[in-house]
C-alpha atoms as a PDB file:
ATOM      1  CA  MET A   1       0.000   0.000   0.000  1.00  0.00           C
ATOM      2  CA  ARG A   2       2.937   2.393   0.441  1.00  0.00           C
ATOM      3  CA  LEU A   3       3.719   1.919  -3.257  1.00  0.00           C
ATOM      4  CA  ALA A   4       0.068   2.497  -4.196  1.00  0.00           C
ATOM      5  CA  GLY A   5       0.545   6.212  -3.626  1.00  0.00           C
ATOM      6  CA  LEU A   6       3.207   6.495  -6.324  1.00  0.00           C
ATOM      7  CA  PRO A   7       1.907   7.350  -9.817  1.00  0.00           C
ATOM      8  CA  TYR A   8       4.195   5.011 -11.754  1.00  0.00           C
ATOM      9  CA  CYS A   9       3.138   1.868  -9.905  1.00  0.00           C
ATOM     10  CA  ARG A  10      -0.242   2.776  -8.399  1.00  0.00           C
ATOM     11  CA  ARG A  11      -2.353   0.414 -10.481  1.00  0.00           C
ATOM     12  CA  PHE A  12      -0.050  -2.574 -10.032  1.00  0.00           C
ATOM     13  CA  ALA A  13       0.464  -2.044  -6.288  1.00  0.00           C
ATOM     14  CA  THR A  14      -3.241  -1.482  -5.619  1.00  0.00           C
ATOM     15  CA  GLY A  15      -4.174  -4.584  -7.594  1.00  0.00           C
ATOM     16  CA  LEU A  16      -1.621  -6.625  -5.664  1.00  0.00           C
ATOM     17  CA  ALA A  17      -3.032  -5.396  -2.337  1.00  0.00           C
ATOM     18  CA  LEU A  18      -6.567  -6.336  -3.402  1.00  0.00           C
ATOM     19  CA  TRP A  19      -5.409  -9.838  -4.316  1.00  0.00           C
ATOM     20  CA  TRP A  20      -4.946 -10.570  -0.603  1.00  0.00           C
ATOM     21  CA  ALA A  21      -7.763  -8.401   0.810  1.00  0.00           C
ATOM     22  CA  PRO A  22     -11.229  -9.773   1.609  1.00  0.00           C
ATOM     23  CA  PRO A  23     -14.153  -8.050  -0.136  1.00  0.00           C
ATOM     24  CA  TYR A  24     -16.380  -5.171   0.911  1.00  0.00           C
ATOM     25  CA  SER A  25     -15.858  -3.556   4.331  1.00  0.00           C
ATOM     26  CA  GLN A  26     -12.917  -5.802   5.209  1.00  0.00           C
ATOM     27  CA  ARG A  27     -10.942  -3.853   2.622  1.00  0.00           C
ATOM     28  CA  HIS A  28     -11.088  -0.788   4.872  1.00  0.00           C
ATOM     29  CA  CYS A  29      -7.900  -1.895   6.612  1.00  0.00           C
ATOM     30  CA  LEU A  30      -6.002  -1.078   3.408  1.00  0.00           C
ATOM     31  CA  ALA A  31      -6.759   2.617   3.900  1.00  0.00           C
ATOM     32  CA  ASP A  32      -5.019   2.516   7.284  1.00  0.00           C
ATOM     33  CA  LEU A  33      -1.760   1.264   5.763  1.00  0.00           C
ATOM     34  CA  ASN A  34      -1.077   4.423   3.761  1.00  0.00           C
ATOM     35  CA  PRO A  35      -1.706   8.081   4.767  1.00  0.00           C
ATOM     36  CA  ARG A  36      -3.060   8.644   1.256  1.00  0.00           C
ATOM     37  CA  GLY A  37      -5.614   5.946   1.943  1.00  0.00           C
ATOM     38  CA  PHE A  38      -6.994   3.436  -0.527  1.00  0.00           C
ATOM     39  CA  ILE A  39      -8.389   4.557  -3.895  1.00  0.00           C
ATOM     40  CA  SER A  40      -9.613   1.795  -6.172  1.00  0.00           C
ATOM     41  CA  THR A  41      -8.230   1.794  -9.692  1.00  0.00           C
ATOM     42  CA  ARG A  42     -11.860   1.402 -10.781  1.00  0.00           C
ATOM     43  CA  ALA A  43     -12.908   4.709  -9.195  1.00  0.00           C
ATOM     44  CA  THR A  44     -13.367   7.771 -11.413  1.00  0.00           C
ATOM     45  CA  PHE A  45     -12.354  11.332 -10.526  1.00  0.00           C
ATOM     46  CA  SER A  46     -13.059  14.263 -12.840  1.00  0.00           C
ATOM     47  CA  GLY A  47     -12.357  17.756 -11.541  1.00  0.00           C
ATOM     48  CA  SER A  48      -9.666  20.111 -10.334  1.00  0.00           C
ATOM     49  CA  THR A  49     -10.810  20.828  -6.762  1.00  0.00           C
ATOM     50  CA  ILE A  50     -11.128  17.409  -5.136  1.00  0.00           C
ATOM     51  CA  ARG A  51      -9.498  17.328  -1.704  1.00  0.00           C
ATOM     52  CA  LEU A  52      -8.962  14.059   0.146  1.00  0.00           C
ATOM     53  CA  GLY A  53      -8.120  13.703   3.822  1.00  0.00           C
ATOM     54  CA  ALA A  54      -5.817  11.103   5.328  1.00  0.00           C
ATOM     55  CA  ASN A  55      -6.620   7.382   5.157  1.00  0.00           C
ATOM     56  CA  VAL A  56      -9.728   7.718   3.009  1.00  0.00           C
ATOM     57  CA  PHE A  57     -11.294   4.626   1.435  1.00  0.00           C
ATOM     58  CA  ILE A  58     -12.671   4.986  -2.110  1.00  0.00           C
ATOM     59  CA  ASP A  59     -14.189   1.733  -3.400  1.00  0.00           C
ATOM     60  CA  ASP A  60     -14.829   0.320  -6.878  1.00  0.00           C
ATOM     61  CA  ARG A  61     -16.950   2.411  -9.269  1.00  0.00           C
ATOM     62  CA  VAL A  62     -17.117   5.430  -6.989  1.00  0.00           C
ATOM     63  CA  MET A  63     -17.408   8.531  -9.170  1.00  0.00           C
ATOM     64  CA  ILE A  64     -16.602  12.120  -8.178  1.00  0.00           C
ATOM     65  CA  TYR A  65     -17.523  14.496 -10.989  1.00  0.00           C
ATOM     66  CA  GLN A  66     -17.318  18.293 -11.136  1.00  0.00           C
ATOM     67  CA  ASP A  67     -19.374  19.917 -13.856  1.00  0.00           C
ATOM     68  CA  TRP A  68     -17.904  22.537 -16.193  1.00  0.00           C
ATOM     69  CA  ASP A  69     -18.563  25.351 -13.721  1.00  0.00           C
ATOM     70  CA  HIS A  70     -17.149  23.291 -10.875  1.00  0.00           C
ATOM     71  CA  GLY A  71     -18.050  22.883  -7.222  1.00  0.00           C
ATOM     72  CA  SER A  72     -15.424  21.590  -4.815  1.00  0.00           C
ATOM     73  CA  VAL A  73     -15.480  18.165  -3.144  1.00  0.00           C
ATOM     74  CA  THR A  74     -13.748  17.782   0.223  1.00  0.00           C
ATOM     75  CA  LEU A  75     -13.476  14.471   2.091  1.00  0.00           C
ATOM     76  CA  GLY A  76     -12.276  14.467   5.695  1.00  0.00           C
ATOM     77  CA  ASN A  77      -9.949  11.977   7.328  1.00  0.00           C
ATOM     78  CA  ARG A  78     -10.959   8.312   7.256  1.00  0.00           C
ATOM     79  CA  VAL A  79     -14.065   8.870   5.112  1.00  0.00           C
ATOM     80  CA  ARG A  80     -15.380   5.622   3.602  1.00  0.00           C
ATOM     81  CA  LEU A  81     -17.165   5.669   0.229  1.00  0.00           C
ATOM     82  CA  GLN A  82     -18.469   2.237  -0.739  1.00  0.00           C
ATOM     83  CA  GLU A  83     -18.915   0.988  -4.274  1.00  0.00           C
ATOM     84  CA  ASP A  84     -21.161   2.751  -6.820  1.00  0.00           C
ATOM     85  CA  THR A  85     -21.448   5.960  -4.806  1.00  0.00           C
ATOM     86  CA  HIS A  86     -21.643   9.037  -7.054  1.00  0.00           C
ATOM     87  CA  ILE A  87     -20.842  12.636  -6.063  1.00  0.00           C
ATOM     88  CA  LEU A  88     -21.715  15.333  -8.622  1.00  0.00           C
ATOM     89  CA  THR A  89     -21.223  19.074  -8.200  1.00  0.00           C
ATOM     90  CA  GLY A  90     -21.947  22.081 -10.381  1.00  0.00           C
ATOM     91  CA  ARG A  91     -22.708  25.801 -10.332  1.00  0.00           C
ATOM     92  CA  GLY A  92     -23.287  27.009  -6.782  1.00  0.00           C
ATOM     93  CA  GLY A  93     -22.782  23.569  -5.292  1.00  0.00           C
ATOM     94  CA  ALA A  94     -20.078  21.830  -3.268  1.00  0.00           C
ATOM     95  CA  VAL A  95     -19.816  18.691  -1.158  1.00  0.00           C
ATOM     96  CA  THR A  96     -18.054  18.493   2.201  1.00  0.00           C
ATOM     97  CA  ILE A  97     -17.919  15.216   4.149  1.00  0.00           C
ATOM     98  CA  GLY A  98     -16.513  15.207   7.678  1.00  0.00           C
ATOM     99  CA  ASN A  99     -14.064  12.914   9.432  1.00  0.00           C
ATOM    100  CA  ASP A 100     -14.957   9.235  10.003  1.00  0.00           C
ATOM    101  CA  THR A 101     -18.187   9.402   8.002  1.00  0.00           C
ATOM    102  CA  HIS A 102     -19.243   6.197   6.232  1.00  0.00           C
ATOM    103  CA  ILE A 103     -21.360   6.186   3.068  1.00  0.00           C
ATOM    104  CA  GLN A 104     -22.593   2.796   1.946  1.00  0.00           C
ATOM    105  CA  ARG A 105     -22.990   1.486  -1.596  1.00  0.00           C
ATOM    106  CA  GLY A 106     -25.061   3.135  -4.289  1.00  0.00           C
ATOM    107  CA  CYS A 107     -25.555   6.561  -2.699  1.00  0.00           C
ATOM    108  CA  GLN A 108     -26.053   9.708  -4.812  1.00  0.00           C
ATOM    109  CA  LEU A 109     -24.976  13.234  -3.780  1.00  0.00           C
ATOM    110  CA  ASN A 110     -25.963  15.916  -6.322  1.00  0.00           C
ATOM    111  CA  ALA A 111     -24.906  19.438  -5.309  1.00  0.00           C
ATOM    112  CA  TYR A 112     -26.052  22.128  -7.722  1.00  0.00           C
ATOM    113  CA  MET A 113     -27.233  25.630  -6.725  1.00  0.00           C
ATOM    114  CA  ALA A 114     -26.371  24.993  -3.046  1.00  0.00           C
ATOM    115  CA  PRO A 115     -23.831  22.906  -1.092  1.00  0.00           C
ATOM    116  CA  ILE A 116     -24.215  19.597   0.718  1.00  0.00           C
ATOM    117  CA  ARG A 117     -22.444  19.487   4.082  1.00  0.00           C
ATOM    118  CA  ILE A 118     -22.173  16.214   6.002  1.00  0.00           C
ATOM    119  CA  GLY A 119     -20.638  16.238   9.475  1.00  0.00           C
ATOM    120  CA  ASP A 120     -18.300  13.928  11.374  1.00  0.00           C
ATOM    121  CA  ARG A 121     -19.070  10.286  12.219  1.00  0.00           C
ATOM    122  CA  VAL A 122     -22.258  10.198  10.149  1.00  0.00           C
ATOM    123  CA  GLU A 123     -23.570   6.779   9.076  1.00  0.00           C
ATOM    124  CA  ILE A 124     -25.407   6.735   5.733  1.00  0.00           C
ATOM    125  CA  ALA A 125     -26.922   3.446   4.601  1.00  0.00           C
ATOM    126  CA  ALA A 126     -27.087   2.181   1.028  1.00  0.00           C
ATOM    127  CA  ARG A 127     -29.106   3.851  -1.760  1.00  0.00           C
ATOM    128  CA  CYS A 128     -29.544   7.211  -0.038  1.00  0.00           C
ATOM    129  CA  ALA A 129     -29.846  10.314  -2.257  1.00  0.00           C
ATOM    130  CA  PHE A 130     -29.212  14.012  -1.618  1.00  0.00           C
ATOM    131  CA  TYR A 131     -30.375  16.772  -3.986  1.00  0.00           C
ATOM    132  CA  SER A 132     -29.618  20.401  -3.111  1.00  0.00           C
ATOM    133  CA  TYR A 133     -31.692  21.673  -6.040  1.00  0.00           C
ATOM    134  CA  ASP A 134     -35.152  21.359  -7.547  1.00  0.00           C
ATOM    135  CA  HIS A 135     -36.552  21.530 -11.089  1.00  0.00           C
ATOM    136  CA  GLY A 136     -38.902  24.335 -12.042  1.00  0.00           C
ATOM    137  CA  ILE A 137     -42.480  23.161 -12.715  1.00  0.00           C
ATOM    138  CA  VAL A 138     -44.157  26.325 -14.011  1.00  0.00           C
ATOM    139  CA  ALA A 139     -47.062  25.502 -16.315  1.00  0.00           C
ATOM    140  CA  GLY A 140     -46.783  26.144 -20.038  1.00  0.00           C
ATOM    141  CA  GLN A 141     -43.086  25.362 -20.361  1.00  0.00           C
ATOM    142  CA  PRO A 142     -41.346  21.979 -20.662  1.00  0.00           C
ATOM    143  CA  ILE A 143     -39.696  21.081 -17.369  1.00  0.00           C
ATOM    144  CA  VAL A 144     -36.431  20.282 -19.137  1.00  0.00           C
ATOM    145  CA  ASP A 145     -36.234  23.929 -20.297  1.00  0.00           C
ATOM    146  CA  GLN A 146     -36.842  25.467 -16.867  1.00  0.00           C
ATOM    147  CA  PRO A 147     -33.973  26.697 -14.674  1.00  0.00           C
ATOM    148  CA  LEU A 148     -32.978  24.861 -11.527  1.00  0.00           C
ATOM    149  CA  THR A 149     -34.086  26.291  -8.190  1.00  0.00           C
ATOM    150  CA  SER A 150     -33.037  25.593  -4.603  1.00  0.00           C
ATOM    151  CA  LYS A 151     -34.360  26.154  -1.083  1.00  0.00           C
ATOM    152  CA  GLY A 152     -30.800  26.190   0.247  1.00  0.00           C
ATOM    153  CA  GLU A 153     -28.052  23.893   1.384  1.00  0.00           C
ATOM    154  CA  ILE A 154     -28.389  20.427   2.843  1.00  0.00           C
ATOM    155  CA  SER A 155     -26.716  20.029   6.237  1.00  0.00           C
ATOM    156  CA  ILE A 156     -26.310  16.732   8.104  1.00  0.00           C
ATOM    157  CA  GLY A 157     -25.157  17.065  11.717  1.00  0.00           C
ATOM    158  CA  ASP A 158     -22.426  15.058  13.403  1.00  0.00           C
ATOM    159  CA  GLU A 159     -23.233  11.450  14.340  1.00  0.00           C
ATOM    160  CA  ALA A 160     -26.546  11.348  12.475  1.00  0.00           C
ATOM    161  CA  TRP A 161     -27.742   8.027  11.063  1.00  0.00           C
ATOM    162  CA  LEU A 162     -29.725   7.652   7.841  1.00  0.00           C
ATOM    163  CA  GLY A 163     -31.359   4.327   7.016  1.00  0.00           C
ATOM    164  CA  TYR A 164     -31.616   2.571   3.671  1.00  0.00           C
ATOM    165  CA  GLY A 165     -32.991   4.571   0.753  1.00  0.00           C
ATOM    166  CA  VAL A 166     -33.471   7.920   2.497  1.00  0.00           C
ATOM    167  CA  ILE A 167     -33.941  10.931   0.178  1.00  0.00           C
ATOM    168  CA  VAL A 168     -32.951  14.392   1.435  1.00  0.00           C
ATOM    169  CA  LEU A 169     -34.131  17.443  -0.508  1.00  0.00           C
ATOM    170  CA  SER A 170     -32.832  21.004  -0.693  1.00  0.00           C
ATOM    171  CA  GLY A 171     -32.951  23.389   2.239  1.00  0.00           C
ATOM    172  CA  VAL A 172     -33.008  20.619   4.865  1.00  0.00           C
ATOM    173  CA  ARG A 173     -30.986  20.468   8.068  1.00  0.00           C
ATOM    174  CA  ILE A 174     -30.782  17.115   9.869  1.00  0.00           C
ATOM    175  CA  GLY A 175     -29.553  17.698  13.394  1.00  0.00           C
ATOM    176  CA  LYS A 176     -26.730  16.172  15.370  1.00  0.00           C
ATOM    177  CA  GLY A 177     -27.390  12.581  16.391  1.00  0.00           C
ATOM    178  CA  ALA A 178     -30.712  12.407  14.538  1.00  0.00           C
ATOM    179  CA  VAL A 179     -31.998   9.123  13.097  1.00  0.00           C
ATOM    180  CA  ILE A 180     -33.921   8.925   9.810  1.00  0.00           C
ATOM    181  CA  GLY A 181     -35.894   5.747   9.137  1.00  0.00           C
ATOM    182  CA  ALA A 182     -35.415   3.699   5.985  1.00  0.00           C
ATOM    183  CA  GLY A 183     -37.251   4.894   2.887  1.00  0.00           C
ATOM    184  CA  SER A 184     -38.035   8.344   4.280  1.00  0.00           C
ATOM    185  CA  VAL A 185     -38.185  11.537   2.200  1.00  0.00           C
ATOM    186  CA  VAL A 186     -36.863  14.459   4.238  1.00  0.00           C
ATOM    187  CA  THR A 187     -38.384  17.775   3.143  1.00  0.00           C
ATOM    188  CA  HIS A 188     -38.140  19.758   6.413  1.00  0.00           C
ATOM    189  CA  ASP A 189     -35.581  20.196   9.193  1.00  0.00           C
ATOM    190  CA  VAL A 190     -35.126  17.438  11.759  1.00  0.00           C
ATOM    191  CA  PRO A 191     -33.913  18.603  15.200  1.00  0.00           C
ATOM    192  CA  ASP A 192     -30.912  17.282  17.102  1.00  0.00           C
ATOM    193  CA  GLY A 193     -31.458  13.843  18.593  1.00  0.00           C
ATOM    194  CA  ALA A 194     -34.805  13.250  16.884  1.00  0.00           C
ATOM    195  CA  VAL A 195     -36.053  10.054  15.259  1.00  0.00           C
ATOM    196  CA  ALA A 196     -37.967  10.797  12.051  1.00  0.00           C
ATOM    197  CA  ALA A 197     -39.591   8.580   9.435  1.00  0.00           C
ATOM    198  CA  GLY A 198     -42.150   8.618   6.648  1.00  0.00           C
ATOM    199  CA  VAL A 199     -43.001  10.348   3.379  1.00  0.00           C
ATOM    200  CA  PRO A 200     -42.628  13.175   4.100  1.00  0.00           C
ATOM    201  CA  ALA A 201     -40.519  12.448   7.179  1.00  0.00           C
ATOM    202  CA  ARG A 202     -41.979  13.497  10.528  1.00  0.00           C
ATOM    203  CA  VAL A 203     -40.489  13.368  14.011  1.00  0.00           C
ATOM    204  CA  ILE A 204     -41.915  10.362  15.835  1.00  0.00           C
ATOM    205  CA  LYS A 205     -39.880  10.593  19.046  1.00  0.00           C
ATOM    206  CA  MET A 206     -36.680  11.896  20.576  1.00  0.00           C
ATOM    207  CA  ARG A 207     -33.754   9.649  21.366  1.00  0.00           C
ATOM    208  CA  SER A 208     -33.665  11.123  24.850  1.00  0.00           C
ATOM    209  CA  ASP A 209     -37.157   9.788  25.606  1.00  0.00           C
ATOM    210  CA  ARG A 210     -37.151   6.940  28.089  1.00  0.00           C
ATOM    211  CA  GLN A 211     -39.810   4.343  27.542  1.00  0.00           C
ATOM    212  CA  LYS A 212     -41.246   3.192  30.838  1.00  0.00           C
ATOM    213  CA  THR A 213     -42.257  -0.415  30.985  1.00  0.00           C
ATOM    214  CA  SER A 214     -44.194  -1.966  33.811  1.00  0.00           C
ATOM    215  CA  ILE A 215     -43.455  -5.472  34.997  1.00  0.00           C
ATOM    216  CA  PRO A 216     -46.654  -7.346  35.855  1.00  0.00           C
ATOM    217  CA  SER A 217     -46.769  -8.691  39.356  1.00  0.00           C
ATOM    218  CA  GLN A 218     -46.341 -12.394  39.692  1.00  0.00           C
ATOM    219  CA  PRO A 219     -48.771 -14.489  41.730  1.00  0.00           C
ATOM    220  CA  ASN A 220     -47.442 -15.873  44.975  1.00  0.00           C
ATOM    221  CA  ALA A 221     -46.008 -19.320  44.574  1.00  0.00           C
ATOM    222  CA  LYS A 222     -47.901 -22.047  46.338  1.00  0.00           C
END
């Protein structure tokens, strides 16, 4: 893995390391063996302002793409991007992912018109999608011809957890330590420490709530 950071032998050294590494998350240990982390030779980067922290893990078929008018992408230390995750940025957009955040396979982060900011130690399950823009839907004009709009940036607080297939739309803040149930569509802010679910997502309880359970009395033994 030390040789994998050198341009002239990156592909060979990375392939050799993968020969001995188990699949999926057990490959993460490779990122710890080199300060530059592990970047699969099957990942695709296109852009001039992509910044990677130390010991990042970039899996097969991850794509980071900056459109012609750019939008920076910054990954913190020890970020994990699993296979088939796509990050796209364009005019007005940017993506920032904090330290120790894990993004599972098949996620989509599209940052146009406004940025997407994800905090530290966030857990994002597979097939989640983030869109910091909307399409215009004014009557009398084809939607494809209408300009993009946005309600503002997407912000995900530290240590939040998003379940499988969550969709987060523009202008949404998900608070620190919040939990979003699988399949939810988040259209409004979720406060710190809340548990939200549904379409659209609604707060169903707070993590700080303590459920009181009563233990039925047992009859006296005879």
